[in-house]
């Protein structure tokens, strides 16, 4: 069998058309991995509260992330990495298992069914219609809103912003060594970017990690870990128990939140990377959605909650990633993490937090494309942008944006300009708000 040549690979990934090169794509993939490597430890720590074996979930997290990222890179050819979603893993643990008393095996069955439902919705074209139905005016608002969301996560992780009972959030302790380290990282990455250093994000993360280690601020506590530990969760899902529960509500939440979080991520990252065509359509959208759905199924089979597209992929895009090679590199690093998982824990939050803040800054360029002179567009765009970080949910931001856009179009006598699917989605979003209000 003849192996493909480098030139064939470059043609497949459209290197010339996208202005890509190997060095930048590899660095971008490493940068994406660095900003989302925390999931290797955070996801297992959350799911372990259900009684799932911790080391098994570590292995499942690495495998599911690797599979999803490789699928997205090879099949869809996009610089978007996937991993078990934050928020959905909390819903899995605290609402479904601990709140409703559902076994983690039955909950995994619900995740599996939602993944299969994704595939079916993709096969009949429903998910593609939803992506194409997003008003083009909201594309930029979603991108900017997710930029604010990423920055908020970075500020929180760095300790620059902390919770406050009286004002919701407030300034943190800027004398805290870890917060000072994060602020040093922010200046370092900013300076490197000002000097047009292509690997600024990656070098900043590594530099802060090195300084933190020298100052004794990096605390590494490796756990005993073997690849074979995955047998504790692999293929342990219990579909019979899921069906006996009649877990339609659980499946719907997994399906709904994952769908709109992924749409938001896809729009934001695609917009920043310049991957939309002239008609604001996303090329190969079918492959993107199939990759996402297949990754969720693989995740449920290996033993983790719903796998989603990660907004941290924007870090790789800002670093110059434009093709599926970026996602492939990230996927390969997650595979490597199967064997060196304890080592990854050495990267502190103070190193990744400034990278997230800078990524949020870079994504704010999208607001210049919004027509602020049109009240319908301006109000719906603002609600989208502000709701994403303030409710800590991409799906909520989309819900506010869709609903306000549709209602304002109707109120201004422009209802006929809104597609039928936008009306359907708006109705679903309103029902979702009513459901959340009574939940």
Protein backbone atom coordinates (compact mmCIF):
# COMPACT_ATOMS: atom_id res chain seq x y z
CA UNK A 1 0.00 0.00 0.00
CA UNK A 2 1.47 3.35 -1.07
CA UNK A 3 1.59 5.94 1.70
CA UNK A 4 0.38 9.49 0.91
CA UNK A 5 3.14 12.01 0.25
CA UNK A 6 3.58 15.24 2.19
CA UNK A 7 2.24 17.20 -0.78
CA UNK A 8 -0.87 14.99 -0.92
CA UNK A 9 -1.47 15.58 2.79
CA UNK A 10 -1.05 19.32 2.34
CA UNK A 11 -3.56 19.30 -0.53
CA UNK A 12 -6.05 17.31 1.55
CA UNK A 13 -5.83 19.84 4.39
CA UNK A 14 -5.80 22.80 1.95
CA UNK A 15 -2.54 24.24 3.25
CA UNK A 16 -2.08 26.60 0.33
CA UNK A 17 -5.64 27.96 0.34
CA UNK A 18 -5.59 28.54 4.09
CA UNK A 19 -2.04 29.86 4.25
CA UNK A 20 -1.00 27.06 6.62
CA UNK A 21 2.40 25.51 7.33
CA UNK A 22 3.52 22.53 9.39
CA UNK A 23 5.40 24.45 12.08
CA UNK A 24 2.47 26.73 12.88
CA UNK A 25 -0.10 23.91 12.79
CA UNK A 26 1.93 21.78 15.20
CA UNK A 27 2.54 24.67 17.58
CA UNK A 28 -1.16 25.55 17.43
CA UNK A 29 -2.11 21.96 18.29
CA UNK A 30 0.26 21.96 21.27
CA UNK A 31 -1.13 25.32 22.39
CA UNK A 32 -4.72 24.03 22.25
CA UNK A 33 -3.72 20.97 24.26
CA UNK A 34 -1.96 23.07 26.88
CA UNK A 35 -5.02 25.27 27.43
CA UNK A 36 -7.40 22.31 27.81
CA UNK A 37 -5.13 19.70 29.44
CA UNK A 38 -6.81 20.52 32.76
CA UNK A 39 -9.74 18.38 31.65
CA UNK A 40 -7.61 15.24 32.15
CA UNK A 41 -7.82 15.91 35.89
CA UNK A 42 -10.90 18.05 36.41
CA UNK A 43 -13.33 15.74 34.58
CA UNK A 44 -12.31 12.62 36.57
CA UNK A 45 -12.45 14.52 39.86
CA UNK A 46 -16.08 15.52 39.13
CA UNK A 47 -17.24 12.15 37.78
CA UNK A 48 -15.51 10.26 40.61
CA UNK A 49 -18.12 11.72 42.98
CA UNK A 50 -20.66 9.39 41.36
CA UNK A 51 -18.63 6.39 42.50
CA UNK A 52 -16.86 5.90 39.18
CA UNK A 53 -13.22 4.73 39.58
CA UNK A 54 -11.00 7.82 39.32
CA UNK A 55 -8.16 6.26 37.34
CA UNK A 56 -10.63 4.64 34.94
CA UNK A 57 -12.20 8.03 34.19
CA UNK A 58 -8.73 9.54 33.63
CA UNK A 59 -8.10 6.95 30.92
CA UNK A 60 -11.60 7.36 29.47
CA UNK A 61 -11.18 11.15 29.37
CA UNK A 62 -7.88 10.86 27.47
CA UNK A 63 -9.27 8.29 25.03
CA UNK A 64 -12.51 10.17 24.32
CA UNK A 65 -10.65 13.46 23.85
CA UNK A 66 -8.10 11.84 21.55
CA UNK A 67 -10.77 10.09 19.49
CA UNK A 68 -12.93 13.19 19.11
CA UNK A 69 -10.03 15.50 18.23
CA UNK A 70 -8.59 13.04 15.70
CA UNK A 71 -12.01 12.58 14.10
CA UNK A 72 -12.48 16.34 13.84
CA UNK A 73 -9.00 16.78 12.38
CA UNK A 74 -8.94 13.89 9.93
CA UNK A 75 -12.57 13.69 8.83
CA UNK A 76 -13.83 17.26 9.19
CA UNK A 77 -10.41 18.94 8.74
CA UNK A 78 -11.06 21.68 11.29
CA UNK A 79 -8.74 23.02 14.05
CA UNK A 80 -11.29 22.19 16.75
CA UNK A 81 -10.45 19.85 19.62
CA UNK A 82 -13.00 17.85 21.59
CA UNK A 83 -13.18 16.59 25.18
CA UNK A 84 -15.79 15.81 27.86
CA UNK A 85 -17.72 19.03 28.41
CA UNK A 86 -17.52 21.08 31.59
CA UNK A 87 -21.05 21.78 32.81
CA UNK A 88 -22.40 18.60 31.30
CA UNK A 89 -20.09 16.55 33.54
CA UNK A 90 -21.44 18.54 36.52
CA UNK A 91 -25.02 17.90 35.36
CA UNK A 92 -24.14 14.19 35.00
CA UNK A 93 -22.76 14.02 38.54
CA UNK A 94 -24.73 16.43 40.69
CA UNK A 95 -28.16 16.49 39.01
CA UNK A 96 -28.56 13.06 37.41
CA UNK A 97 -26.60 10.72 39.68
CA UNK A 98 -26.53 12.46 43.06
CA UNK A 99 -29.73 14.51 42.66
CA UNK A 100 -32.01 12.00 40.93
CA UNK A 101 -30.42 8.88 42.40
CA UNK A 102 -29.64 7.42 38.96
CA UNK A 103 -26.71 4.98 38.77
CA UNK A 104 -23.68 6.20 36.85
CA UNK A 105 -24.06 3.20 34.54
CA UNK A 106 -27.60 4.29 33.62
CA UNK A 107 -26.43 7.90 33.23
CA UNK A 108 -23.75 6.72 30.77
CA UNK A 109 -26.55 4.98 28.89
CA UNK A 110 -28.36 8.32 28.60
CA UNK A 111 -25.18 9.94 27.22
CA UNK A 112 -24.86 7.09 24.69
CA UNK A 113 -28.47 7.50 23.54
CA UNK A 114 -28.02 11.27 23.16
CA UNK A 115 -24.98 10.59 20.95
CA UNK A 116 -26.98 8.21 18.77
CA UNK A 117 -29.74 10.83 18.57
CA UNK A 118 -27.11 13.35 17.40
CA UNK A 119 -26.13 11.02 14.59
CA UNK A 120 -29.75 10.54 13.53
CA UNK A 121 -30.46 14.29 13.60
CA UNK A 122 -27.33 14.83 11.51
CA UNK A 123 -28.30 12.10 9.05
CA UNK A 124 -31.69 13.68 8.36
CA UNK A 125 -30.20 17.18 8.18
CA UNK A 126 -31.78 18.75 11.28
CA UNK A 127 -28.51 19.83 12.92
CA UNK A 128 -27.25 21.31 9.65
CA UNK A 129 -30.47 23.31 9.33
CA UNK A 130 -30.02 24.66 12.86
CA UNK A 131 -26.46 25.80 12.12
CA UNK A 132 -27.54 27.50 8.89
CA UNK A 133 -30.59 29.06 10.60
CA UNK A 134 -28.51 31.20 12.96
CA UNK A 135 -29.01 34.78 11.74
CA UNK A 136 -25.71 36.01 10.29
CA UNK A 137 -26.03 39.10 12.50
CA UNK A 138 -25.60 36.87 15.56
CA UNK A 139 -22.47 35.08 14.32
CA UNK A 140 -20.18 37.90 15.42
CA UNK A 141 -22.07 38.34 18.69
CA UNK A 142 -21.60 34.67 19.56
CA UNK A 143 -17.87 34.92 18.84
CA UNK A 144 -17.46 38.04 20.98
CA UNK A 145 -19.62 36.61 23.77
CA UNK A 146 -17.53 33.47 23.92
CA UNK A 147 -14.44 35.68 23.99
CA UNK A 148 -15.81 37.35 27.13
CA UNK A 149 -16.68 33.91 28.53
CA UNK A 150 -13.15 32.60 27.98
CA UNK A 151 -11.65 35.74 29.51
CA UNK A 152 -13.93 35.42 32.55
CA UNK A 153 -12.74 31.84 33.06
CA UNK A 154 -9.15 33.05 32.80
CA UNK A 155 -9.71 35.89 35.31
CA UNK A 156 -11.38 33.47 37.72
CA UNK A 157 -8.71 30.78 37.39
CA UNK A 158 -5.97 33.34 37.93
CA UNK A 159 -7.54 34.75 41.09
CA UNK A 160 -7.73 38.24 39.60
CA UNK A 161 -11.52 38.05 39.95
CA UNK A 162 -13.15 36.25 42.88
CA UNK A 163 -16.77 35.69 44.02
CA UNK A 164 -18.42 38.30 46.24
CA UNK A 165 -21.63 37.95 48.23
CA UNK A 166 -22.42 41.66 47.93
CA UNK A 167 -21.30 42.46 44.36
CA UNK A 168 -21.32 38.99 42.75
CA UNK A 169 -17.66 39.35 41.72
CA UNK A 170 -14.83 41.55 42.93
CA UNK A 171 -11.08 42.06 42.62
CA UNK A 172 -9.03 39.25 44.10
CA UNK A 173 -5.93 39.35 46.25
CA UNK A 174 -3.29 40.75 43.91
CA UNK A 175 -0.60 39.95 46.47
CA UNK A 176 -1.30 36.23 46.20
CA UNK A 177 1.78 34.56 44.65
CA UNK A 178 -0.28 32.53 42.16
CA UNK A 179 -2.23 35.60 41.06
CA UNK A 180 1.01 37.53 40.63
CA UNK A 181 2.38 34.63 38.60
CA UNK A 182 -0.71 34.73 36.34
CA UNK A 183 -0.35 38.49 35.85
CA UNK A 184 3.31 37.95 34.93
CA UNK A 185 2.10 35.39 32.36
CA UNK A 186 -0.38 37.91 30.95
CA UNK A 187 2.39 40.47 30.43
CA UNK A 188 4.76 37.81 29.03
CA UNK A 189 2.27 36.51 26.45
CA UNK A 190 1.23 40.05 25.53
CA UNK A 191 4.85 41.10 25.02
CA UNK A 192 5.65 38.04 22.91
CA UNK A 193 2.59 38.71 20.75
CA UNK A 194 3.60 42.36 20.39
CA UNK A 195 6.93 41.13 19.05
CA UNK A 196 4.99 38.91 16.61
CA UNK A 197 6.34 35.65 18.09
CA UNK A 198 4.21 32.90 16.53
CA UNK A 199 4.51 30.54 19.49
CA UNK A 200 3.71 33.32 22.01
CA UNK A 201 0.87 31.43 23.71
CA UNK A 202 2.80 28.18 24.10
CA UNK A 203 6.02 29.89 25.19
CA UNK A 204 4.04 31.94 27.70
CA UNK A 205 2.45 28.83 29.25
CA UNK A 206 5.79 27.03 29.45
CA UNK A 207 7.55 30.14 30.75
CA UNK A 208 5.06 30.68 33.58
CA UNK A 209 5.22 26.97 34.47
CA UNK A 210 9.01 27.20 34.67
CA UNK A 211 8.97 30.35 36.84
CA UNK A 212 6.29 28.82 39.05
CA UNK A 213 8.36 25.68 39.52
CA UNK A 214 11.45 27.74 40.40
CA UNK A 215 9.46 29.68 43.01
CA UNK A 216 7.91 26.54 44.50
CA UNK A 217 4.41 27.45 43.31
CA UNK A 218 3.89 24.33 41.20
CA UNK A 219 2.53 21.46 43.27
CA UNK A 220 2.64 18.08 41.61
CA UNK A 221 1.03 15.07 43.25
CA UNK A 222 1.17 12.13 40.82
CA UNK A 223 -1.21 9.22 41.34
CA UNK A 224 -0.54 5.57 40.59
CA UNK A 225 -2.03 5.03 37.15
CA UNK A 226 -2.17 2.24 34.56
CA UNK A 227 -3.80 2.18 31.13
CA UNK A 228 -5.60 -1.03 32.04
CA UNK A 229 -7.54 0.91 34.70
CA UNK A 230 -10.05 1.92 32.01
CA UNK A 231 -11.72 -1.48 32.42
CA UNK A 232 -13.41 0.02 35.48
CA UNK A 233 -15.73 2.10 33.27
CA UNK A 234 -15.34 0.84 29.69
CA UNK A 235 -18.57 -0.69 28.34
CA UNK A 236 -20.17 -0.42 31.80
CA UNK A 237 -23.13 1.66 30.56
CA UNK A 238 -26.50 0.11 31.43
CA UNK A 239 -29.01 0.78 28.65
CA UNK A 240 -31.65 -1.44 30.26
CA UNK A 241 -31.59 0.69 33.39
CA UNK A 242 -31.75 3.85 31.26
CA UNK A 243 -34.84 2.67 29.40
CA UNK A 244 -36.50 1.49 32.63
CA UNK A 245 -36.04 4.98 34.05
CA UNK A 246 -37.74 6.51 31.03
CA UNK A 247 -34.93 9.07 31.19
CA UNK A 248 -36.29 11.30 28.42
CA UNK A 249 -35.65 14.47 30.42
CA UNK A 250 -32.01 13.53 31.10
CA UNK A 251 -31.36 12.63 27.47
CA UNK A 252 -33.02 15.85 26.29
CA UNK A 253 -30.75 18.00 28.49
CA UNK A 254 -27.61 16.22 27.27
CA UNK A 255 -28.85 16.63 23.70
CA UNK A 256 -30.01 20.25 23.95
CA UNK A 257 -27.06 21.74 25.82
CA UNK A 258 -24.48 19.85 23.75
CA UNK A 259 -26.16 20.88 20.50
CA UNK A 260 -26.13 24.60 21.17
CA UNK A 261 -22.80 24.68 22.99
CA UNK A 262 -21.27 23.00 19.95
CA UNK A 263 -23.01 25.34 17.52
CA UNK A 264 -21.71 28.32 19.50
CA UNK A 265 -18.16 26.96 19.58
CA UNK A 266 -18.28 26.11 15.91
CA UNK A 267 -19.45 29.59 14.96
CA UNK A 268 -16.94 31.35 17.21
CA UNK A 269 -13.86 29.33 16.24
CA UNK A 270 -14.84 29.18 12.58
CA UNK A 271 -15.35 32.94 12.51
CA UNK A 272 -11.98 33.64 14.13
CA UNK A 273 -10.16 31.22 11.82
CA UNK A 274 -11.83 32.62 8.70
CA UNK A 275 -13.33 29.24 7.83
CA UNK A 276 -16.74 30.48 6.69
CA UNK A 277 -17.36 30.89 2.96
CA UNK A 278 -18.68 34.07 1.34
CA UNK A 279 -22.31 33.12 2.06
CA UNK A 280 -21.59 32.61 5.78
CA UNK A 281 -21.90 28.84 5.42
CA UNK A 282 -19.55 26.36 7.09
CA UNK A 283 -17.95 23.96 4.59
CA UNK A 284 -18.12 20.25 5.51
CA UNK A 285 -20.54 20.96 8.36
CA UNK A 286 -21.88 17.38 8.07
CA UNK A 287 -18.46 15.97 8.89
CA UNK A 288 -18.10 18.30 11.88
CA UNK A 289 -21.41 17.18 13.34
CA UNK A 290 -20.75 13.48 12.68
CA UNK A 291 -17.36 13.77 14.38
CA UNK A 292 -18.96 15.38 17.41
CA UNK A 293 -21.75 12.80 17.68
CA UNK A 294 -19.39 9.86 17.21
CA UNK A 295 -17.09 11.24 19.91
CA UNK A 296 -19.99 11.38 22.39
CA UNK A 297 -20.83 7.73 21.64
CA UNK A 298 -17.17 6.73 22.06
CA UNK A 299 -16.99 8.68 25.31
CA UNK A 300 -20.04 6.92 26.74
CA UNK A 301 -18.61 3.53 25.78
CA UNK A 302 -15.24 4.28 27.37
CA UNK A 303 -16.78 5.76 30.50
CA UNK A 304 -17.18 9.53 30.49
CA UNK A 305 -19.87 12.17 30.08
CA UNK A 306 -20.80 14.01 26.86
CA UNK A 307 -17.89 14.98 24.58
CA UNK A 308 -18.13 18.47 23.09
CA UNK A 309 -16.15 20.88 20.93
CA UNK A 310 -13.87 22.94 23.16
CA UNK A 311 -13.81 26.70 22.98
CA UNK A 312 -10.17 26.54 24.11
CA UNK A 313 -9.55 25.54 20.48
CA UNK A 314 -9.60 29.28 19.88
CA UNK A 315 -6.18 29.42 21.56
CA UNK A 316 -4.78 27.25 18.78
CA UNK A 317 -6.52 29.37 16.16
CA UNK A 318 -5.07 32.56 17.64
CA UNK A 319 -1.67 30.80 17.53
CA UNK A 320 -2.17 30.34 13.77
CA UNK A 321 -3.92 26.96 13.45
CA UNK A 322 -6.14 26.78 10.38
CA UNK A 323 -6.44 23.10 9.38
CA UNK A 324 -7.31 19.72 10.81
CA UNK A 325 -3.63 19.13 11.54
CA UNK A 326 -4.01 21.35 14.62
CA UNK A 327 -6.75 19.09 16.00
CA UNK A 328 -4.78 15.97 15.06
CA UNK A 329 -1.77 17.18 17.05
CA UNK A 330 -4.03 17.88 20.04
CA UNK A 331 -5.58 14.42 19.69
CA UNK A 332 -2.17 12.74 19.58
CA UNK A 333 -1.14 14.61 22.72
CA UNK A 334 -4.27 13.33 24.47
CA UNK A 335 -3.22 9.82 23.42
CA UNK A 336 0.21 10.47 24.89
CA UNK A 337 -1.52 11.71 28.03
CA UNK A 338 -2.80 8.15 28.52
CA UNK A 339 0.75 7.19 29.43
CA UNK A 340 1.98 10.40 31.06
CA UNK A 341 -1.23 11.65 32.69
CA UNK A 342 0.44 12.36 36.05
CA UNK A 343 3.04 14.61 34.37
CA UNK A 344 0.44 16.95 32.85
CA UNK A 345 -0.63 17.95 36.34
CA UNK A 346 2.51 20.05 36.63
CA UNK A 347 0.96 22.84 34.48
CA UNK A 348 -0.65 25.26 36.97
CA UNK A 349 -3.81 27.29 36.44
CA UNK A 350 -1.61 30.39 36.69
CA UNK A 351 0.00 29.33 33.39
CA UNK A 352 -3.15 28.63 31.39
CA UNK A 353 -5.31 31.46 32.82
CA UNK A 354 -3.42 34.32 31.12
CA UNK A 355 -3.58 32.43 27.81
CA UNK A 356 -7.37 32.27 28.12
CA UNK A 357 -7.58 36.01 28.88
CA UNK A 358 -5.52 36.82 25.78
CA UNK A 359 -7.65 34.51 23.63
CA UNK A 360 -10.76 36.31 24.90
CA UNK A 361 -9.17 39.60 23.90
CA UNK A 362 -8.39 38.36 20.39
CA UNK A 363 -11.98 37.18 19.89
CA UNK A 364 -13.44 40.60 20.65
CA UNK A 365 -12.49 41.81 17.16
CA UNK A 366 -15.80 40.31 15.99
CA UNK A 367 -17.88 43.14 17.50
CA UNK A 368 -16.71 45.47 14.73
CA UNK A 369 -18.84 43.46 12.28
CA UNK A 370 -22.09 44.12 14.17
CA UNK A 371 -24.42 46.84 12.85
CA UNK A 372 -24.93 48.78 16.08
CA UNK A 373 -27.15 51.32 14.30
CA UNK A 374 -29.92 48.74 13.80
CA UNK A 375 -31.77 48.37 17.14
CA UNK A 376 -32.95 44.82 16.38
CA UNK A 377 -29.44 43.61 15.62
CA UNK A 378 -27.78 45.70 18.34
CA UNK A 379 -30.08 44.57 21.17
CA UNK A 380 -30.10 40.87 20.21
CA UNK A 381 -26.31 40.92 19.69
CA UNK A 382 -25.72 42.62 23.04
CA UNK A 383 -27.98 40.15 24.87
CA UNK A 384 -26.12 37.26 23.22
CA UNK A 385 -22.71 38.68 24.10
CA UNK A 386 -23.55 39.51 27.70
CA UNK A 387 -25.62 36.42 28.54
CA UNK A 388 -22.88 33.96 27.58
CA UNK A 389 -20.38 35.05 30.28
CA UNK A 390 -22.94 36.26 32.84
CA UNK A 391 -24.91 32.97 32.84
CA UNK A 392 -21.74 30.93 32.26
CA UNK A 393 -23.41 29.17 29.33
CA UNK A 394 -23.01 29.38 25.56
CA UNK A 395 -26.43 27.78 25.15
CA UNK A 396 -28.08 30.49 27.29
CA UNK A 397 -26.44 33.21 25.20
CA UNK A 398 -27.78 31.67 22.01
CA UNK A 399 -31.20 31.35 23.63
CA UNK A 400 -31.31 35.05 24.56
CA UNK A 401 -30.03 36.04 21.13
CA UNK A 402 -32.50 33.91 19.17
CA UNK A 403 -35.47 34.86 21.30
CA UNK A 404 -34.81 38.61 21.33
CA UNK A 405 -34.00 38.65 17.60
CA UNK A 406 -37.28 36.93 16.70
CA UNK A 407 -39.47 38.96 19.06
CA UNK A 408 -37.93 42.26 17.97
CA UNK A 409 -38.34 41.36 14.29
CA UNK A 410 -42.02 40.64 14.96
CA UNK A 411 -42.48 43.82 17.00
CA UNK A 412 -40.93 45.94 14.26
CA UNK A 413 -43.11 44.45 11.52
CA UNK A 414 -40.29 42.42 9.96
CA UNK A 415 -41.61 39.00 10.95
CA UNK A 416 -41.73 37.77 7.35
CA UNK A 417 -37.96 38.17 7.07
CA UNK A 418 -37.43 35.51 9.76
CA UNK A 419 -37.20 31.87 8.60
CA UNK A 420 -39.63 29.28 9.90
CA UNK A 421 -36.85 27.34 11.59
CA UNK A 422 -35.82 30.39 13.61
CA UNK A 423 -39.42 30.57 14.87
CA UNK A 424 -39.29 26.89 15.81
CA UNK A 425 -35.97 27.30 17.61
CA UNK A 426 -37.23 30.41 19.39
CA UNK A 427 -40.25 28.46 20.63
CA UNK A 428 -37.95 25.70 21.88
CA UNK A 429 -35.76 28.23 23.65
CA UNK A 430 -38.80 29.78 25.36
CA UNK A 431 -39.93 26.32 26.47
CA UNK A 432 -36.42 25.75 27.78
CA UNK A 433 -36.58 28.95 29.81
CA UNK A 434 -39.92 27.86 31.26
CA UNK A 435 -38.47 24.44 32.07
CA UNK A 436 -35.45 25.98 33.84
CA UNK A 437 -37.74 28.32 35.77
CA UNK A 438 -39.73 25.41 37.18
CA UNK A 439 -36.78 23.04 37.60
